[in-house]
Full PDB file with SEQRES, HELIX, SHEET, SSBOND, CRYST1, ORIGX, SCALE, CONECT and MASTER records, all heavy atoms in Angstrom:
SEQRES   1 A   38  ASN ALA ALA ASP VAL TRP TYR ASN ILE GLY HIS ILE ALA          
SEQRES   2 A   38  ILE ALA ILE GLY ASP LEU ASP ILE ALA GLU GLN CYS LEU          
SEQRES   3 A   38  ARG LEU ALA LEU SER ILE ASP THR THR HIS ALA ALA              
HELIX    1 AA1 ALA A    2  ALA A   15  1                                  14    
HELIX    2 AA2 LEU A   19  ILE A   32  1                                  14    
CRYST1    1.000    1.000    1.000  90.00  90.00  90.00 P 1           1          
ORIGX1      1.000000  0.000000  0.000000        0.00000                         
ORIGX2      0.000000  1.000000  0.000000        0.00000                         
ORIGX3      0.000000  0.000000  1.000000        0.00000                         
SCALE1      1.000000  0.000000  0.000000        0.00000                         
SCALE2      0.000000  1.000000  0.000000        0.00000                         
SCALE3      0.000000  0.000000  1.000000        0.00000                         
ATOM      1  N   ASN A   1      77.225  43.804-104.930  1.00  0.00           N  
ATOM      2  CA  ASN A   1      76.740  45.127-104.549  1.00  0.00           C  
ATOM      3  C   ASN A   1      76.553  45.008-102.971  1.00  0.00           C  
ATOM      4  O   ASN A   1      76.154  45.987-102.503  1.00  0.00           O  
ATOM      5  CB  ASN A   1      75.469  45.423-105.214  1.00  0.00           C  
ATOM      6  CG  ASN A   1      74.447  44.361-105.303  1.00  0.00           C  
ATOM      7  OD1 ASN A   1      74.363  43.406-104.313  1.00  0.00           O  
ATOM      8  ND2 ASN A   1      73.582  44.204-106.346  1.00  0.00           N  
ATOM      9  N   ALA A   2      76.733  43.969-102.242  1.00  0.00           N  
ATOM     10  CA  ALA A   2      76.358  43.777-100.816  1.00  0.00           C  
ATOM     11  C   ALA A   2      77.324  44.930-100.099  1.00  0.00           C  
ATOM     12  O   ALA A   2      76.877  45.493 -99.093  1.00  0.00           O  
ATOM     13  CB  ALA A   2      76.536  42.493-100.302  1.00  0.00           C  
ATOM     14  N   ALA A   3      78.559  44.912-100.511  1.00  0.00           N  
ATOM     15  CA  ALA A   3      79.531  45.862 -99.868  1.00  0.00           C  
ATOM     16  C   ALA A   3      79.033  47.316 -99.961  1.00  0.00           C  
ATOM     17  O   ALA A   3      79.193  47.994 -98.946  1.00  0.00           O  
ATOM     18  CB  ALA A   3      80.918  45.686-100.532  1.00  0.00           C  
ATOM     19  N   ASP A   4      78.482  47.683-101.059  1.00  0.00           N  
ATOM     20  CA  ASP A   4      78.088  49.106-101.211  1.00  0.00           C  
ATOM     21  C   ASP A   4      76.844  49.306-100.261  1.00  0.00           C  
ATOM     22  O   ASP A   4      76.777  50.376 -99.673  1.00  0.00           O  
ATOM     23  CB  ASP A   4      77.658  49.390-102.547  1.00  0.00           C  
ATOM     24  CG  ASP A   4      78.871  49.522-103.508  1.00  0.00           C  
ATOM     25  OD1 ASP A   4      79.982  49.902-103.149  1.00  0.00           O  
ATOM     26  OD2 ASP A   4      78.810  49.116-104.703  1.00  0.00           O  
ATOM     27  N   VAL A   5      76.042  48.354-100.176  1.00  0.00           N  
ATOM     28  CA  VAL A   5      74.791  48.581 -99.257  1.00  0.00           C  
ATOM     29  C   VAL A   5      75.265  48.652 -97.858  1.00  0.00           C  
ATOM     30  O   VAL A   5      74.767  49.499 -97.082  1.00  0.00           O  
ATOM     31  CB  VAL A   5      73.874  47.249 -99.421  1.00  0.00           C  
ATOM     32  CG1 VAL A   5      72.591  47.515 -98.474  1.00  0.00           C  
ATOM     33  CG2 VAL A   5      73.293  47.223-100.903  1.00  0.00           C  
ATOM     34  N   TRP A   6      76.267  47.771 -97.334  1.00  0.00           N  
ATOM     35  CA  TRP A   6      76.696  47.858 -96.011  1.00  0.00           C  
ATOM     36  C   TRP A   6      77.473  49.195 -95.756  1.00  0.00           C  
ATOM     37  O   TRP A   6      77.389  49.841 -94.701  1.00  0.00           O  
ATOM     38  CB  TRP A   6      77.492  46.754 -95.677  1.00  0.00           C  
ATOM     39  CG  TRP A   6      76.795  45.451 -95.265  1.00  0.00           C  
ATOM     40  CD1 TRP A   6      76.817  44.345 -95.966  1.00  0.00           C  
ATOM     41  CD2 TRP A   6      75.978  45.278 -94.197  1.00  0.00           C  
ATOM     42  NE1 TRP A   6      76.047  43.402 -95.399  1.00  0.00           N  
ATOM     43  CE2 TRP A   6      75.356  43.972 -94.151  1.00  0.00           C  
ATOM     44  CE3 TRP A   6      75.487  46.060 -93.081  1.00  0.00           C  
ATOM     45  CZ2 TRP A   6      74.610  43.448 -93.330  1.00  0.00           C  
ATOM     46  CZ3 TRP A   6      74.631  45.586 -92.120  1.00  0.00           C  
ATOM     47  CH2 TRP A   6      74.125  44.318 -92.207  1.00  0.00           C  
ATOM     48  N   TYR A   7      78.194  49.699 -96.796  1.00  0.00           N  
ATOM     49  CA  TYR A   7      78.877  50.923 -96.633  1.00  0.00           C  
ATOM     50  C   TYR A   7      77.940  52.048 -96.420  1.00  0.00           C  
ATOM     51  O   TYR A   7      78.088  52.962 -95.653  1.00  0.00           O  
ATOM     52  CB  TYR A   7      79.683  51.176 -97.886  1.00  0.00           C  
ATOM     53  CG  TYR A   7      80.227  52.571 -98.101  1.00  0.00           C  
ATOM     54  CD1 TYR A   7      81.286  53.081 -97.164  1.00  0.00           C  
ATOM     55  CD2 TYR A   7      79.542  53.430 -98.895  1.00  0.00           C  
ATOM     56  CE1 TYR A   7      81.615  54.471 -97.296  1.00  0.00           C  
ATOM     57  CE2 TYR A   7      79.951  54.849 -98.872  1.00  0.00           C  
ATOM     58  CZ  TYR A   7      80.898  55.202 -98.185  1.00  0.00           C  
ATOM     59  OH  TYR A   7      81.361  56.557 -98.276  1.00  0.00           O  
ATOM     60  N   ASN A   8      76.692  52.076 -97.236  1.00  0.00           N  
ATOM     61  CA  ASN A   8      75.834  53.214 -97.098  1.00  0.00           C  
ATOM     62  C   ASN A   8      75.047  53.127 -95.802  1.00  0.00           C  
ATOM     63  O   ASN A   8      74.651  54.083 -95.217  1.00  0.00           O  
ATOM     64  CB  ASN A   8      74.850  53.142 -98.279  1.00  0.00           C  
ATOM     65  CG  ASN A   8      75.381  53.703 -99.514  1.00  0.00           C  
ATOM     66  OD1 ASN A   8      75.817  54.859 -99.617  1.00  0.00           O  
ATOM     67  ND2 ASN A   8      75.527  52.762-100.504  1.00  0.00           N  
ATOM     68  N   ILE A   9      74.840  51.950 -95.259  1.00  0.00           N  
ATOM     69  CA  ILE A   9      74.255  51.766 -93.909  1.00  0.00           C  
ATOM     70  C   ILE A   9      75.109  52.401 -92.881  1.00  0.00           C  
ATOM     71  O   ILE A   9      74.788  53.102 -91.976  1.00  0.00           O  
ATOM     72  CB  ILE A   9      73.896  50.322 -93.590  1.00  0.00           C  
ATOM     73  CG1 ILE A   9      72.790  49.861 -94.604  1.00  0.00           C  
ATOM     74  CG2 ILE A   9      73.430  50.127 -92.211  1.00  0.00           C  
ATOM     75  CD1 ILE A   9      72.497  48.322 -94.429  1.00  0.00           C  
ATOM     76  N   GLY A  10      76.479  52.071 -92.992  1.00  0.00           N  
ATOM     77  CA  GLY A  10      77.460  52.560 -92.187  1.00  0.00           C  
ATOM     78  C   GLY A  10      77.531  54.108 -92.280  1.00  0.00           C  
ATOM     79  O   GLY A  10      77.664  54.855 -91.301  1.00  0.00           O  
ATOM     80  N   HIS A  11      77.384  54.668 -93.506  1.00  0.00           N  
ATOM     81  CA  HIS A  11      77.253  56.107 -93.628  1.00  0.00           C  
ATOM     82  C   HIS A  11      76.132  56.788 -92.936  1.00  0.00           C  
ATOM     83  O   HIS A  11      76.305  57.821 -92.285  1.00  0.00           O  
ATOM     84  CB  HIS A  11      77.271  56.415 -95.176  1.00  0.00           C  
ATOM     85  CG  HIS A  11      77.221  57.834 -95.544  1.00  0.00           C  
ATOM     86  ND1 HIS A  11      78.417  58.696 -95.386  1.00  0.00           N  
ATOM     87  CD2 HIS A  11      76.396  58.737 -95.884  1.00  0.00           C  
ATOM     88  CE1 HIS A  11      78.232  59.865 -95.719  1.00  0.00           C  
ATOM     89  NE2 HIS A  11      76.864  59.973 -96.144  1.00  0.00           N  
ATOM     90  N   ILE A  12      74.951  56.092 -93.020  1.00  0.00           N  
ATOM     91  CA  ILE A  12      73.833  56.593 -92.257  1.00  0.00           C  
ATOM     92  C   ILE A  12      74.039  56.603 -90.780  1.00  0.00           C  
ATOM     93  O   ILE A  12      73.741  57.462 -90.020  1.00  0.00           O  
ATOM     94  CB  ILE A  12      72.526  55.805 -92.619  1.00  0.00           C  
ATOM     95  CG1 ILE A  12      72.241  55.877 -94.099  1.00  0.00           C  
ATOM     96  CG2 ILE A  12      71.408  56.244 -91.766  1.00  0.00           C  
ATOM     97  CD1 ILE A  12      71.926  57.298 -94.590  1.00  0.00           C  
ATOM     98  N   ALA A  13      74.705  55.433 -90.321  1.00  0.00           N  
ATOM     99  CA  ALA A  13      75.016  55.406 -88.881  1.00  0.00           C  
ATOM    100  C   ALA A  13      75.942  56.508 -88.467  1.00  0.00           C  
ATOM    101  O   ALA A  13      75.848  57.094 -87.337  1.00  0.00           O  
ATOM    102  CB  ALA A  13      75.623  54.024 -88.504  1.00  0.00           C  
ATOM    103  N   ILE A  14      76.996  56.868 -89.251  1.00  0.00           N  
ATOM    104  CA  ILE A  14      77.853  57.989 -88.959  1.00  0.00           C  
ATOM    105  C   ILE A  14      76.967  59.273 -88.859  1.00  0.00           C  
ATOM    106  O   ILE A  14      77.205  60.098 -87.991  1.00  0.00           O  
ATOM    107  CB  ILE A  14      78.983  58.050 -90.000  1.00  0.00           C  
ATOM    108  CG1 ILE A  14      79.830  56.885 -89.756  1.00  0.00           C  
ATOM    109  CG2 ILE A  14      79.828  59.394 -89.779  1.00  0.00           C  
ATOM    110  CD1 ILE A  14      80.918  56.831 -90.859  1.00  0.00           C  
ATOM    111  N   ALA A  15      76.074  59.385 -89.761  1.00  0.00           N  
ATOM    112  CA  ALA A  15      75.264  60.623 -89.763  1.00  0.00           C  
ATOM    113  C   ALA A  15      74.454  60.864 -88.523  1.00  0.00           C  
ATOM    114  O   ALA A  15      74.212  61.951 -88.073  1.00  0.00           O  
ATOM    115  CB  ALA A  15      74.482  60.719 -91.093  1.00  0.00           C  
ATOM    116  N   ILE A  16      73.956  59.732 -87.915  1.00  0.00           N  
ATOM    117  CA  ILE A  16      73.181  59.855 -86.844  1.00  0.00           C  
ATOM    118  C   ILE A  16      73.963  59.701 -85.505  1.00  0.00           C  
ATOM    119  O   ILE A  16      73.482  59.889 -84.338  1.00  0.00           O  
ATOM    120  CB  ILE A  16      72.121  58.744 -86.761  1.00  0.00           C  
ATOM    121  CG1 ILE A  16      72.625  57.404 -86.630  1.00  0.00           C  
ATOM    122  CG2 ILE A  16      71.118  58.855 -87.971  1.00  0.00           C  
ATOM    123  CD1 ILE A  16      71.611  56.256 -86.613  1.00  0.00           C  
ATOM    124  N   GLY A  17      75.291  59.537 -85.680  1.00  0.00           N  
ATOM    125  CA  GLY A  17      76.203  59.549 -84.480  1.00  0.00           C  
ATOM    126  C   GLY A  17      76.474  58.240 -83.809  1.00  0.00           C  
ATOM    127  O   GLY A  17      77.092  58.136 -82.779  1.00  0.00           O  
ATOM    128  N   ASP A  18      76.000  57.101 -84.447  1.00  0.00           N  
ATOM    129  CA  ASP A  18      76.242  55.811 -83.790  1.00  0.00           C  
ATOM    130  C   ASP A  18      77.498  55.125 -84.355  1.00  0.00           C  
ATOM    131  O   ASP A  18      77.438  54.452 -85.407  1.00  0.00           O  
ATOM    132  CB  ASP A  18      74.997  54.880 -83.946  1.00  0.00           C  
ATOM    133  CG  ASP A  18      75.014  53.659 -83.144  1.00  0.00           C  
ATOM    134  OD1 ASP A  18      76.127  53.328 -82.618  1.00  0.00           O  
ATOM    135  OD2 ASP A  18      73.992  53.098 -82.807  1.00  0.00           O  
ATOM    136  N   LEU A  19      78.631  55.510 -83.876  1.00  0.00           N  
ATOM    137  CA  LEU A  19      79.968  55.122 -84.500  1.00  0.00           C  
ATOM    138  C   LEU A  19      80.160  53.529 -84.383  1.00  0.00           C  
ATOM    139  O   LEU A  19      80.803  52.985 -85.217  1.00  0.00           O  
ATOM    140  CB  LEU A  19      81.043  55.903 -83.879  1.00  0.00           C  
ATOM    141  CG  LEU A  19      81.045  57.352 -84.030  1.00  0.00           C  
ATOM    142  CD1 LEU A  19      82.345  57.989 -83.536  1.00  0.00           C  
ATOM    143  CD2 LEU A  19      80.938  57.687 -85.509  1.00  0.00           C  
ATOM    144  N   ASP A  20      79.551  52.951 -83.324  1.00  0.00           N  
ATOM    145  CA  ASP A  20      79.830  51.464 -83.132  1.00  0.00           C  
ATOM    146  C   ASP A  20      79.098  50.768 -84.283  1.00  0.00           C  
ATOM    147  O   ASP A  20      79.699  49.883 -84.829  1.00  0.00           O  
ATOM    148  CB  ASP A  20      79.181  51.108 -81.682  1.00  0.00           C  
ATOM    149  CG  ASP A  20      80.016  51.657 -80.512  1.00  0.00           C  
ATOM    150  OD1 ASP A  20      81.246  51.871 -80.727  1.00  0.00           O  
ATOM    151  OD2 ASP A  20      79.456  51.846 -79.518  1.00  0.00           O  
ATOM    152  N   ILE A  21      77.849  51.027 -84.571  1.00  0.00           N  
ATOM    153  CA  ILE A  21      77.197  50.384 -85.591  1.00  0.00           C  
ATOM    154  C   ILE A  21      77.850  50.695 -86.995  1.00  0.00           C  
ATOM    155  O   ILE A  21      77.935  49.804 -87.778  1.00  0.00           O  
ATOM    156  CB  ILE A  21      75.633  50.772 -85.623  1.00  0.00           C  
ATOM    157  CG1 ILE A  21      74.983  50.253 -84.350  1.00  0.00           C  
ATOM    158  CG2 ILE A  21      74.971  50.292 -86.853  1.00  0.00           C  
ATOM    159  CD1 ILE A  21      73.440  50.592 -84.343  1.00  0.00           C  
ATOM    160  N   ALA A  22      78.234  51.951 -87.056  1.00  0.00           N  
ATOM    161  CA  ALA A  22      78.934  52.365 -88.235  1.00  0.00           C  
ATOM    162  C   ALA A  22      80.237  51.531 -88.454  1.00  0.00           C  
ATOM    163  O   ALA A  22      80.449  51.021 -89.646  1.00  0.00           O  
ATOM    164  CB  ALA A  22      79.312  53.804 -88.225  1.00  0.00           C  
ATOM    165  N   GLU A  23      80.959  51.278 -87.532  1.00  0.00           N  
ATOM    166  CA  GLU A  23      82.253  50.480 -87.666  1.00  0.00           C  
ATOM    167  C   GLU A  23      81.872  48.965 -87.939  1.00  0.00           C  
ATOM    168  O   GLU A  23      82.533  48.434 -88.893  1.00  0.00           O  
ATOM    169  CB  GLU A  23      83.004  50.494 -86.303  1.00  0.00           C  
ATOM    170  CG  GLU A  23      84.322  49.753 -86.398  1.00  0.00           C  
ATOM    171  CD  GLU A  23      85.046  49.772 -85.047  1.00  0.00           C  
ATOM    172  OE1 GLU A  23      84.542  50.405 -84.138  1.00  0.00           O  
ATOM    173  OE2 GLU A  23      86.014  49.132 -84.966  1.00  0.00           O  
ATOM    174  N   GLN A  24      80.773  48.482 -87.369  1.00  0.00           N  
ATOM    175  CA  GLN A  24      80.465  47.106 -87.729  1.00  0.00           C  
ATOM    176  C   GLN A  24      80.006  47.058 -89.186  1.00  0.00           C  
ATOM    177  O   GLN A  24      80.392  46.028 -89.906  1.00  0.00           O  
ATOM    178  CB  GLN A  24      79.326  46.671 -86.819  1.00  0.00           C  
ATOM    179  CG  GLN A  24      79.734  46.531 -85.273  1.00  0.00           C  
ATOM    180  CD  GLN A  24      78.572  46.096 -84.416  1.00  0.00           C  
ATOM    181  OE1 GLN A  24      77.446  45.696 -84.921  1.00  0.00           O  
ATOM    182  NE2 GLN A  24      78.790  46.189 -83.142  1.00  0.00           N  
ATOM    183  N   CYS A  25      79.192  47.954 -89.663  1.00  0.00           N  
ATOM    184  CA  CYS A  25      78.851  47.962 -91.065  1.00  0.00           C  
ATOM    185  C   CYS A  25      79.975  47.930 -92.011  1.00  0.00           C  
ATOM    186  O   CYS A  25      79.966  47.373 -93.101  1.00  0.00           O  
ATOM    187  CB  CYS A  25      77.818  49.064 -91.218  1.00  0.00           C  
ATOM    188  SG  CYS A  25      76.129  48.920 -90.354  1.00  0.00           S  
ATOM    189  N   LEU A  26      80.956  48.887 -91.796  1.00  0.00           N  
ATOM    190  CA  LEU A  26      81.997  49.102 -92.526  1.00  0.00           C  
ATOM    191  C   LEU A  26      82.905  47.885 -92.595  1.00  0.00           C  
ATOM    192  O   LEU A  26      83.421  47.470 -93.661  1.00  0.00           O  
ATOM    193  CB  LEU A  26      82.885  50.285 -92.189  1.00  0.00           C  
ATOM    194  CG  LEU A  26      82.105  51.695 -92.332  1.00  0.00           C  
ATOM    195  CD1 LEU A  26      82.934  52.781 -91.717  1.00  0.00           C  
ATOM    196  CD2 LEU A  26      81.858  51.961 -93.707  1.00  0.00           C  
ATOM    197  N   ARG A  27      82.979  47.262 -91.407  1.00  0.00           N  
ATOM    198  CA  ARG A  27      83.907  45.988 -91.451  1.00  0.00           C  
ATOM    199  C   ARG A  27      83.146  44.822 -92.202  1.00  0.00           C  
ATOM    200  O   ARG A  27      83.779  44.069 -92.881  1.00  0.00           O  
ATOM    201  CB  ARG A  27      84.133  45.544 -89.989  1.00  0.00           C  
ATOM    202  CG  ARG A  27      85.074  46.459 -89.339  1.00  0.00           C  
ATOM    203  CD  ARG A  27      85.543  46.005 -87.928  1.00  0.00           C  
ATOM    204  NE  ARG A  27      86.278  46.921 -87.290  1.00  0.00           N  
ATOM    205  CZ  ARG A  27      87.705  47.185 -87.582  1.00  0.00           C  
ATOM    206  NH1 ARG A  27      88.245  46.484 -88.416  1.00  0.00           N  
ATOM    207  NH2 ARG A  27      88.355  48.017 -86.815  1.00  0.00           N  
ATOM    208  N   LEU A  28      81.770  44.807 -92.129  1.00  0.00           N  
ATOM    209  CA  LEU A  28      81.022  43.880 -92.927  1.00  0.00           C  
ATOM    210  C   LEU A  28      81.182  44.123 -94.425  1.00  0.00           C  
ATOM    211  O   LEU A  28      81.378  43.268 -95.231  1.00  0.00           O  
ATOM    212  CB  LEU A  28      79.528  43.968 -92.666  1.00  0.00           C  
ATOM    213  CG  LEU A  28      79.169  43.277 -91.325  1.00  0.00           C  
ATOM    214  CD1 LEU A  28      77.670  43.589 -91.017  1.00  0.00           C  
ATOM    215  CD2 LEU A  28      79.350  41.781 -91.522  1.00  0.00           C  
ATOM    216  N   ALA A  29      81.242  45.380 -94.818  1.00  0.00           N  
ATOM    217  CA  ALA A  29      81.533  45.763 -96.177  1.00  0.00           C  
ATOM    218  C   ALA A  29      82.826  45.355 -96.677  1.00  0.00           C  
ATOM    219  O   ALA A  29      83.012  44.801 -97.746  1.00  0.00           O  
ATOM    220  CB  ALA A  29      81.378  47.208 -96.517  1.00  0.00           C  
ATOM    221  N   LEU A  30      83.936  45.446 -95.777  1.00  0.00           N  
ATOM    222  CA  LEU A  30      85.203  45.079 -96.141  1.00  0.00           C  
ATOM    223  C   LEU A  30      85.415  43.532 -96.169  1.00  0.00           C  
ATOM    224  O   LEU A  30      86.320  42.997 -96.885  1.00  0.00           O  
ATOM    225  CB  LEU A  30      86.279  45.667 -95.116  1.00  0.00           C  
ATOM    226  CG  LEU A  30      86.437  47.117 -95.288  1.00  0.00           C  
ATOM    227  CD1 LEU A  30      87.365  47.720 -94.186  1.00  0.00           C  
ATOM    228  CD2 LEU A  30      87.011  47.503 -96.613  1.00  0.00           C  
ATOM    229  N   SER A  31      84.580  42.735 -95.327  1.00  0.00           N  
ATOM    230  CA  SER A  31      84.628  41.267 -95.360  1.00  0.00           C  
ATOM    231  C   SER A  31      84.099  40.877 -96.656  1.00  0.00           C  
ATOM    232  O   SER A  31      84.422  39.722 -97.065  1.00  0.00           O  
ATOM    233  CB  SER A  31      83.836  40.788 -94.218  1.00  0.00           C  
ATOM    234  OG  SER A  31      82.341  41.049 -94.422  1.00  0.00           O  
ATOM    235  N   ILE A  32      83.196  41.547 -97.364  1.00  0.00           N  
ATOM    236  CA  ILE A  32      82.677  41.204 -98.582  1.00  0.00           C  
ATOM    237  C   ILE A  32      83.553  41.602 -99.747  1.00  0.00           C  
ATOM    238  O   ILE A  32      83.790  40.923-100.738  1.00  0.00           O  
ATOM    239  CB  ILE A  32      81.161  41.782 -98.772  1.00  0.00           C  
ATOM    240  CG1 ILE A  32      80.336  41.241 -97.716  1.00  0.00           C  
ATOM    241  CG2 ILE A  32      80.607  41.418-100.115  1.00  0.00           C  
ATOM    242  CD1 ILE A  32      78.931  41.879 -97.673  1.00  0.00           C  
ATOM    243  N   ASP A  33      84.088  42.892 -99.677  1.00  0.00           N  
ATOM    244  CA  ASP A  33      84.953  43.376-100.648  1.00  0.00           C  
ATOM    245  C   ASP A  33      86.141  44.049-100.079  1.00  0.00           C  
ATOM    246  O   ASP A  33      86.044  45.117 -99.489  1.00  0.00           O  
ATOM    247  CB  ASP A  33      84.175  44.415-101.619  1.00  0.00           C  
ATOM    248  CG  ASP A  33      85.055  45.012-102.694  1.00  0.00           C  
ATOM    249  OD1 ASP A  33      86.198  44.460-102.853  1.00  0.00           O  
ATOM    250  OD2 ASP A  33      84.526  45.790-103.375  1.00  0.00           O  
ATOM    251  N   THR A  34      87.183  43.331-100.057  1.00  0.00           N  
ATOM    252  CA  THR A  34      88.479  43.859 -99.368  1.00  0.00           C  
ATOM    253  C   THR A  34      89.126  44.982-100.140  1.00  0.00           C  
ATOM    254  O   THR A  34      90.085  45.564 -99.567  1.00  0.00           O  
ATOM    255  CB  THR A  34      89.485  42.788 -99.184  1.00  0.00           C  
ATOM    256  OG1 THR A  34      89.768  42.241-100.529  1.00  0.00           O  
ATOM    257  CG2 THR A  34      88.957  41.606 -98.329  1.00  0.00           C  
ATOM    258  N   THR A  35      88.570  45.405-101.216  1.00  0.00           N  
ATOM    259  CA  THR A  35      89.055  46.649-101.977  1.00  0.00           C  
ATOM    260  C   THR A  35      88.147  47.762-101.967  1.00  0.00           C  
ATOM    261  O   THR A  35      88.189  48.529-102.925  1.00  0.00           O  
ATOM    262  CB  THR A  35      89.405  46.086-103.438  1.00  0.00           C  
ATOM    263  OG1 THR A  35      88.322  45.785-104.147  1.00  0.00           O  
ATOM    264  CG2 THR A  35      90.466  45.029-103.400  1.00  0.00           C  
ATOM    265  N   HIS A  36      87.333  47.895-101.033  1.00  0.00           N  
ATOM    266  CA  HIS A  36      86.344  48.884-101.023  1.00  0.00           C  
ATOM    267  C   HIS A  36      86.944  50.068-100.333  1.00  0.00           C  
ATOM    268  O   HIS A  36      86.992  50.332 -99.036  1.00  0.00           O  
ATOM    269  CB  HIS A  36      85.000  48.489-100.119  1.00  0.00           C  
ATOM    270  CG  HIS A  36      83.864  49.209-100.529  1.00  0.00           C  
ATOM    271  ND1 HIS A  36      83.442  50.382 -99.882  1.00  0.00           N  
ATOM    272  CD2 HIS A  36      82.900  48.989-101.371  1.00  0.00           C  
ATOM    273  CE1 HIS A  36      82.328  50.815-100.356  1.00  0.00           C  
ATOM    274  NE2 HIS A  36      82.005  49.957-101.356  1.00  0.00           N  
ATOM    275  N   ALA A  37      87.527  51.005-101.124  1.00  0.00           N  
ATOM    276  CA  ALA A  37      88.255  52.090-100.641  1.00  0.00           C  
ATOM    277  C   ALA A  37      87.421  53.130 -99.722  1.00  0.00           C  
ATOM    278  O   ALA A  37      87.965  53.631 -98.721  1.00  0.00           O  
ATOM    279  CB  ALA A  37      88.798  52.903-101.805  1.00  0.00           C  
ATOM    280  N   ALA A  38      86.270  53.294-100.098  1.00  0.00           N  
ATOM    281  CA  ALA A  38      85.478  54.250 -99.276  1.00  0.00           C  
ATOM    282  C   ALA A  38      85.245  53.721 -97.906  1.00  0.00           C  
ATOM    283  O   ALA A  38      85.234  54.453 -96.852  1.00  0.00           O  
ATOM    284  CB  ALA A  38      84.125  54.474 -99.943  1.00  0.00           C  
TER     285      ALA A  38                                                      
MASTER        0    0    0    2    0    0    0    6  284    1    0    3          
END                                                                             
């Protein structure tokens, strides 16, 4: 479930406009689960 947590943190970062942190969080999610489509 770590990939889902990092994905949601990235979603929050997108909502507040910090795209750099959002990209890092999404890449962390993909490093844990390479099949995370969202």
